[in-house]
Amino acid sequence: MGKLIEKMALVRGHQIVAKLDNERDWREQLDQFVKADVAIEFSLPDKVVNNIHKCFDANIPVVVGTTGWYHHLNEVISWCDEQKQAIFYEFDVYAYQRNESIGSKIRIQDEIIRKTSSA
């Protein structure tokens, strides 16, 4: 699925700044990765939570296409709140918004969608 997303992104004029498939890639391409507007995460259930954490540490919103990790969802949402981050995952979007109105939540989601869909 990740290769299809990459192809579609390139056709739409987006730039892929890094492709991280293993720990070596994370080390070698971190300087490029931190330039990204958004991360698209397609990996394995045993890798996804660590990858989400790395995205949050780099202050990059993440779209997660990997499934099978939802037993860690509460932990990830806590990180999202603590680090004031945003995550899109199957069936939902979660963005840090403590004490924000529903209007603010919608604006935050619209902004993330705009950033991830504009060329």
N, C-alpha and C. Protein backbone atom coordinates (compact mmCIF):
# COMPACT_ATOMS: atom_id res chain seq x y z
N MET A 1 0.82 -1.20 0.00
CA MET A 1 0.00 0.00 0.00
C MET A 1 0.86 1.26 0.00
N GLY A 2 1.95 1.25 0.73
CA GLY A 2 2.82 2.41 0.79
C GLY A 2 3.35 2.81 -0.59
N LYS A 3 3.66 1.84 -1.43
CA LYS A 3 4.17 2.13 -2.77
C LYS A 3 3.08 2.80 -3.62
N LEU A 4 1.83 2.37 -3.45
CA LEU A 4 0.72 3.00 -4.17
C LEU A 4 0.53 4.44 -3.71
N ILE A 5 0.57 4.67 -2.41
CA ILE A 5 0.44 6.03 -1.87
C ILE A 5 1.58 6.91 -2.39
N GLU A 6 2.79 6.36 -2.42
CA GLU A 6 3.93 7.12 -2.94
C GLU A 6 3.69 7.51 -4.39
N LYS A 7 3.26 6.57 -5.20
CA LYS A 7 3.00 6.83 -6.61
C LYS A 7 1.94 7.92 -6.78
N MET A 8 0.85 7.81 -6.03
CA MET A 8 -0.22 8.80 -6.11
C MET A 8 0.27 10.18 -5.66
N ALA A 9 1.06 10.22 -4.62
CA ALA A 9 1.58 11.49 -4.12
C ALA A 9 2.45 12.17 -5.18
N LEU A 10 3.31 11.40 -5.81
CA LEU A 10 4.19 11.96 -6.84
C LEU A 10 3.39 12.45 -8.05
N VAL A 11 2.39 11.69 -8.46
CA VAL A 11 1.54 12.10 -9.58
C VAL A 11 0.85 13.43 -9.28
N ARG A 12 0.49 13.63 -8.01
CA ARG A 12 -0.20 14.86 -7.61
C ARG A 12 0.77 16.01 -7.30
N GLY A 13 2.05 15.78 -7.52
CA GLY A 13 3.02 16.85 -7.36
C GLY A 13 3.64 16.98 -5.98
N HIS A 14 3.40 16.02 -5.11
CA HIS A 14 4.01 16.06 -3.78
C HIS A 14 5.44 15.56 -3.85
N GLN A 15 6.23 15.97 -2.91
CA GLN A 15 7.62 15.53 -2.83
C GLN A 15 7.75 14.53 -1.69
N ILE A 16 8.44 13.44 -1.93
CA ILE A 16 8.76 12.45 -0.90
C ILE A 16 10.15 12.81 -0.39
N VAL A 17 10.24 13.22 0.87
CA VAL A 17 11.55 13.66 1.39
C VAL A 17 12.34 12.53 2.02
N ALA A 18 11.67 11.44 2.41
CA ALA A 18 12.38 10.31 3.00
C ALA A 18 11.50 9.07 2.94
N LYS A 19 12.13 7.92 2.78
CA LYS A 19 11.45 6.62 2.87
C LYS A 19 12.22 5.83 3.91
N LEU A 20 11.54 5.53 5.01
CA LEU A 20 12.20 4.91 6.15
C LEU A 20 11.64 3.51 6.37
N ASP A 21 12.45 2.52 6.04
CA ASP A 21 12.01 1.14 6.14
C ASP A 21 12.63 0.38 7.31
N ASN A 22 13.66 0.96 7.93
CA ASN A 22 14.34 0.25 9.02
C ASN A 22 15.09 1.27 9.88
N GLU A 23 15.67 0.80 10.95
CA GLU A 23 16.37 1.70 11.89
C GLU A 23 17.54 2.43 11.22
N ARG A 24 18.21 1.76 10.32
CA ARG A 24 19.32 2.41 9.60
C ARG A 24 18.80 3.61 8.80
N ASP A 25 17.66 3.42 8.11
CA ASP A 25 17.06 4.53 7.37
C ASP A 25 16.72 5.69 8.29
N TRP A 26 16.16 5.39 9.46
CA TRP A 26 15.83 6.46 10.42
C TRP A 26 17.08 7.26 10.77
N ARG A 27 18.18 6.56 11.04
CA ARG A 27 19.42 7.25 11.40
C ARG A 27 19.96 8.07 10.22
N GLU A 28 19.98 7.48 9.05
CA GLU A 28 20.62 8.11 7.90
C GLU A 28 19.77 9.20 7.25
N GLN A 29 18.45 9.14 7.39
CA GLN A 29 17.58 10.08 6.70
C GLN A 29 16.82 11.02 7.65
N LEU A 30 17.16 11.00 8.92
CA LEU A 30 16.43 11.82 9.89
C LEU A 30 16.46 13.30 9.52
N ASP A 31 17.61 13.78 9.03
CA ASP A 31 17.71 15.19 8.66
C ASP A 31 16.75 15.55 7.52
N GLN A 32 16.48 14.61 6.64
CA GLN A 32 15.50 14.84 5.58
C GLN A 32 14.07 14.68 6.12
N PHE A 33 13.87 13.69 6.95
CA PHE A 33 12.54 13.40 7.49
C PHE A 33 11.96 14.59 8.23
N VAL A 34 12.77 15.29 9.01
CA VAL A 34 12.25 16.40 9.81
C VAL A 34 11.78 17.57 8.95
N LYS A 35 12.05 17.55 7.66
CA LYS A 35 11.57 18.58 6.74
C LYS A 35 10.17 18.28 6.22
N ALA A 36 9.64 17.11 6.51
CA ALA A 36 8.34 16.70 5.99
C ALA A 36 7.20 17.48 6.63
N ASP A 37 6.15 17.71 5.86
CA ASP A 37 4.92 18.32 6.39
C ASP A 37 4.06 17.29 7.10
N VAL A 38 4.16 16.03 6.66
CA VAL A 38 3.37 14.95 7.23
C VAL A 38 4.10 13.63 6.96
N ALA A 39 3.91 12.66 7.85
CA ALA A 39 4.44 11.32 7.63
C ALA A 39 3.29 10.39 7.31
N ILE A 40 3.52 9.50 6.37
CA ILE A 40 2.54 8.46 6.05
C ILE A 40 3.17 7.15 6.48
N GLU A 41 2.53 6.49 7.42
CA GLU A 41 3.11 5.31 8.07
C GLU A 41 2.40 4.04 7.61
N PHE A 42 3.12 3.23 6.85
CA PHE A 42 2.67 1.89 6.48
C PHE A 42 3.81 0.95 6.85
N SER A 43 3.64 0.22 7.92
CA SER A 43 4.70 -0.71 8.33
C SER A 43 4.07 -2.00 8.83
N LEU A 44 4.48 -2.44 9.97
CA LEU A 44 3.98 -3.67 10.59
C LEU A 44 3.43 -3.33 11.98
N PRO A 45 2.46 -4.11 12.45
CA PRO A 45 1.87 -3.80 13.77
C PRO A 45 2.90 -3.71 14.89
N ASP A 46 3.98 -4.47 14.82
CA ASP A 46 4.97 -4.41 15.90
C ASP A 46 5.95 -3.24 15.74
N LYS A 47 5.87 -2.50 14.65
CA LYS A 47 6.75 -1.35 14.41
C LYS A 47 6.02 -0.01 14.49
N VAL A 48 4.73 -0.02 14.25
CA VAL A 48 3.98 1.22 14.06
C VAL A 48 4.02 2.15 15.26
N VAL A 49 3.87 1.64 16.47
CA VAL A 49 3.82 2.51 17.65
C VAL A 49 5.15 3.25 17.82
N ASN A 50 6.25 2.56 17.65
CA ASN A 50 7.56 3.21 17.72
C ASN A 50 7.70 4.27 16.63
N ASN A 51 7.22 3.96 15.43
CA ASN A 51 7.29 4.93 14.34
C ASN A 51 6.44 6.17 14.62
N ILE A 52 5.26 5.97 15.19
CA ILE A 52 4.40 7.10 15.55
C ILE A 52 5.14 7.98 16.56
N HIS A 53 5.74 7.36 17.54
CA HIS A 53 6.47 8.11 18.57
C HIS A 53 7.60 8.93 17.92
N LYS A 54 8.31 8.35 16.97
CA LYS A 54 9.39 9.06 16.29
C LYS A 54 8.83 10.25 15.51
N CYS A 55 7.68 10.08 14.89
CA CYS A 55 7.05 11.20 14.18
C CYS A 55 6.70 12.32 15.15
N PHE A 56 6.10 11.96 16.27
CA PHE A 56 5.77 12.96 17.28
C PHE A 56 7.02 13.66 17.79
N ASP A 57 8.08 12.90 18.02
CA ASP A 57 9.34 13.50 18.49
C ASP A 57 9.90 14.50 17.48
N ALA A 58 9.63 14.25 16.19
CA ALA A 58 10.10 15.15 15.14
C ALA A 58 9.08 16.26 14.85
N ASN A 59 7.98 16.27 15.61
CA ASN A 59 6.93 17.28 15.45
C ASN A 59 6.26 17.21 14.08
N ILE A 60 6.02 15.99 13.62
CA ILE A 60 5.41 15.77 12.31
C ILE A 60 4.10 15.00 12.49
N PRO A 61 2.99 15.56 11.99
CA PRO A 61 1.72 14.83 12.04
C PRO A 61 1.86 13.53 11.25
N VAL A 62 1.12 12.51 11.64
CA VAL A 62 1.28 11.21 11.00
C VAL A 62 -0.07 10.64 10.57
N VAL A 63 -0.08 10.10 9.36
CA VAL A 63 -1.22 9.35 8.84
C VAL A 63 -0.82 7.89 8.91
N VAL A 64 -1.59 7.09 9.62
CA VAL A 64 -1.23 5.67 9.83
C VAL A 64 -2.15 4.78 9.00
N GLY A 65 -1.54 4.02 8.11
CA GLY A 65 -2.29 3.06 7.31
C GLY A 65 -2.14 1.64 7.83
N THR A 66 -1.22 1.45 8.75
CA THR A 66 -1.00 0.13 9.34
C THR A 66 -2.16 -0.23 10.26
N THR A 67 -2.56 -1.47 10.26
CA THR A 67 -3.61 -1.94 11.16
C THR A 67 -2.99 -2.93 12.15
N GLY A 68 -3.78 -3.32 13.13
CA GLY A 68 -3.34 -4.33 14.08
C GLY A 68 -2.59 -3.77 15.28
N TRP A 69 -2.66 -2.47 15.50
CA TRP A 69 -1.94 -1.85 16.62
C TRP A 69 -2.88 -1.18 17.61
N TYR A 70 -4.16 -1.28 17.40
CA TYR A 70 -5.13 -0.49 18.16
C TYR A 70 -5.18 -0.80 19.66
N HIS A 71 -4.60 -1.91 20.08
CA HIS A 71 -4.51 -2.17 21.52
C HIS A 71 -3.56 -1.18 22.19
N HIS A 72 -2.80 -0.41 21.40
CA HIS A 72 -1.93 0.65 21.91
C HIS A 72 -2.53 2.04 21.72
N LEU A 73 -3.77 2.11 21.26
CA LEU A 73 -4.35 3.39 20.89
C LEU A 73 -4.40 4.38 22.05
N ASN A 74 -4.81 3.94 23.23
CA ASN A 74 -4.87 4.86 24.38
C ASN A 74 -3.49 5.44 24.70
N GLU A 75 -2.48 4.61 24.62
CA GLU A 75 -1.10 5.07 24.85
C GLU A 75 -0.71 6.12 23.80
N VAL A 76 -1.03 5.88 22.54
CA VAL A 76 -0.68 6.81 21.47
C VAL A 76 -1.45 8.12 21.62
N ILE A 77 -2.72 8.04 21.99
CA ILE A 77 -3.50 9.26 22.21
C ILE A 77 -2.93 10.07 23.37
N SER A 78 -2.46 9.40 24.40
CA SER A 78 -1.81 10.11 25.51
C SER A 78 -0.56 10.83 25.03
N TRP A 79 0.25 10.16 24.21
CA TRP A 79 1.44 10.81 23.64
C TRP A 79 1.01 12.02 22.81
N CYS A 80 -0.05 11.83 22.04
CA CYS A 80 -0.54 12.90 21.18
C CYS A 80 -0.87 14.13 22.02
N ASP A 81 -1.56 13.93 23.12
CA ASP A 81 -1.88 15.04 24.03
C ASP A 81 -0.62 15.65 24.63
N GLU A 82 0.25 14.80 25.15
CA GLU A 82 1.46 15.28 25.82
C GLU A 82 2.36 16.08 24.88
N GLN A 83 2.45 15.65 23.65
CA GLN A 83 3.36 16.29 22.71
C GLN A 83 2.65 17.24 21.74
N LYS A 84 1.34 17.44 21.97
CA LYS A 84 0.55 18.37 21.15
C LYS A 84 0.68 18.05 19.66
N GLN A 85 0.40 16.80 19.31
CA GLN A 85 0.57 16.31 17.95
C GLN A 85 -0.78 15.95 17.32
N ALA A 86 -0.72 15.44 16.10
CA ALA A 86 -1.92 15.01 15.38
C ALA A 86 -1.66 13.67 14.72
N ILE A 87 -2.69 12.83 14.71
CA ILE A 87 -2.59 11.52 14.08
C ILE A 87 -3.90 11.21 13.37
N PHE A 88 -3.78 10.68 12.16
CA PHE A 88 -4.90 10.14 11.42
C PHE A 88 -4.72 8.63 11.43
N TYR A 89 -5.77 7.91 11.73
CA TYR A 89 -5.69 6.46 11.67
C TYR A 89 -7.04 5.95 11.21
N GLU A 90 -7.08 4.69 10.86
CA GLU A 90 -8.30 4.10 10.31
C GLU A 90 -9.50 4.47 11.17
N PHE A 91 -10.51 5.03 10.54
CA PHE A 91 -11.79 5.39 11.15
C PHE A 91 -11.79 6.69 11.94
N ASP A 92 -10.65 7.37 12.15
CA ASP A 92 -10.70 8.54 13.02
C ASP A 92 -9.50 9.45 12.81
N VAL A 93 -9.61 10.62 13.35
CA VAL A 93 -8.53 11.61 13.40
C VAL A 93 -8.44 12.05 14.85
N TYR A 94 -7.23 12.21 15.34
CA TYR A 94 -7.07 12.73 16.69
C TYR A 94 -6.01 13.80 16.65
N ALA A 95 -6.34 14.96 17.16
CA ALA A 95 -5.38 16.05 17.25
C ALA A 95 -5.44 16.61 18.66
N TYR A 96 -4.30 16.99 19.19
CA TYR A 96 -4.27 17.61 20.50
C TYR A 96 -5.16 18.84 20.48
N GLN A 97 -6.07 18.96 21.44
CA GLN A 97 -6.94 20.12 21.48
C GLN A 97 -7.54 20.33 22.86
N ARG A 98 -6.81 20.07 23.89
CA ARG A 98 -7.31 20.24 25.25
C ARG A 98 -7.94 21.62 25.42
N ASN A 99 -9.14 21.64 25.98
CA ASN A 99 -9.88 22.88 26.25
C ASN A 99 -10.19 23.68 24.99
N GLU A 100 -10.32 23.03 23.89
CA GLU A 100 -10.66 23.71 22.64
C GLU A 100 -12.12 23.43 22.29
N SER A 101 -12.74 24.33 21.58
CA SER A 101 -14.11 24.15 21.14
C SER A 101 -14.17 23.19 19.96
N ILE A 102 -15.36 22.71 19.63
CA ILE A 102 -15.52 21.84 18.47
C ILE A 102 -15.11 22.58 17.21
N GLY A 103 -15.38 23.90 17.16
CA GLY A 103 -14.94 24.68 16.01
C GLY A 103 -13.44 24.66 15.84
N SER A 104 -12.71 24.74 16.94
CA SER A 104 -11.25 24.67 16.88
C SER A 104 -10.80 23.31 16.40
N LYS A 105 -11.48 22.27 16.87
CA LYS A 105 -11.14 20.91 16.44
C LYS A 105 -11.32 20.78 14.94
N ILE A 106 -12.40 21.30 14.43
CA ILE A 106 -12.65 21.22 12.99
C ILE A 106 -11.60 22.01 12.23
N ARG A 107 -11.24 23.19 12.72
CA ARG A 107 -10.20 23.99 12.05
C ARG A 107 -8.86 23.26 12.06
N ILE A 108 -8.52 22.63 13.17
CA ILE A 108 -7.27 21.86 13.25
C ILE A 108 -7.29 20.74 12.22
N GLN A 109 -8.40 20.00 12.16
CA GLN A 109 -8.50 18.90 11.21
C GLN A 109 -8.46 19.41 9.77
N ASP A 110 -9.15 20.51 9.50
CA ASP A 110 -9.13 21.09 8.16
C ASP A 110 -7.71 21.50 7.76
N GLU A 111 -6.97 22.07 8.69
CA GLU A 111 -5.60 22.50 8.41
C GLU A 111 -4.71 21.30 8.10
N ILE A 112 -4.85 20.24 8.86
CA ILE A 112 -4.05 19.04 8.61
C ILE A 112 -4.41 18.45 7.26
N ILE A 113 -5.70 18.38 6.97
CA ILE A 113 -6.14 17.84 5.68
C ILE A 113 -5.62 18.71 4.55
N ARG A 114 -5.69 20.03 4.72
CA ARG A 114 -5.20 20.94 3.69
C ARG A 114 -3.70 20.71 3.43
N LYS A 115 -2.93 20.59 4.51
CA LYS A 115 -1.50 20.39 4.37
C LYS A 115 -1.17 19.06 3.72
N THR A 116 -1.98 18.05 3.97
CA THR A 116 -1.66 16.73 3.43
C THR A 116 -2.24 16.51 2.03
N SER A 117 -3.12 17.40 1.58
CA SER A 117 -3.74 17.18 0.28
C SER A 117 -3.34 18.21 -0.77
N SER A 118 -2.75 19.33 -0.37
CA SER A 118 -2.37 20.34 -1.35
C SER A 118 -1.04 19.99 -2.01
N ALA A 119 -0.92 20.41 -3.24
CA ALA A 119 0.32 20.12 -3.99
C ALA A 119 1.40 21.09 -3.64
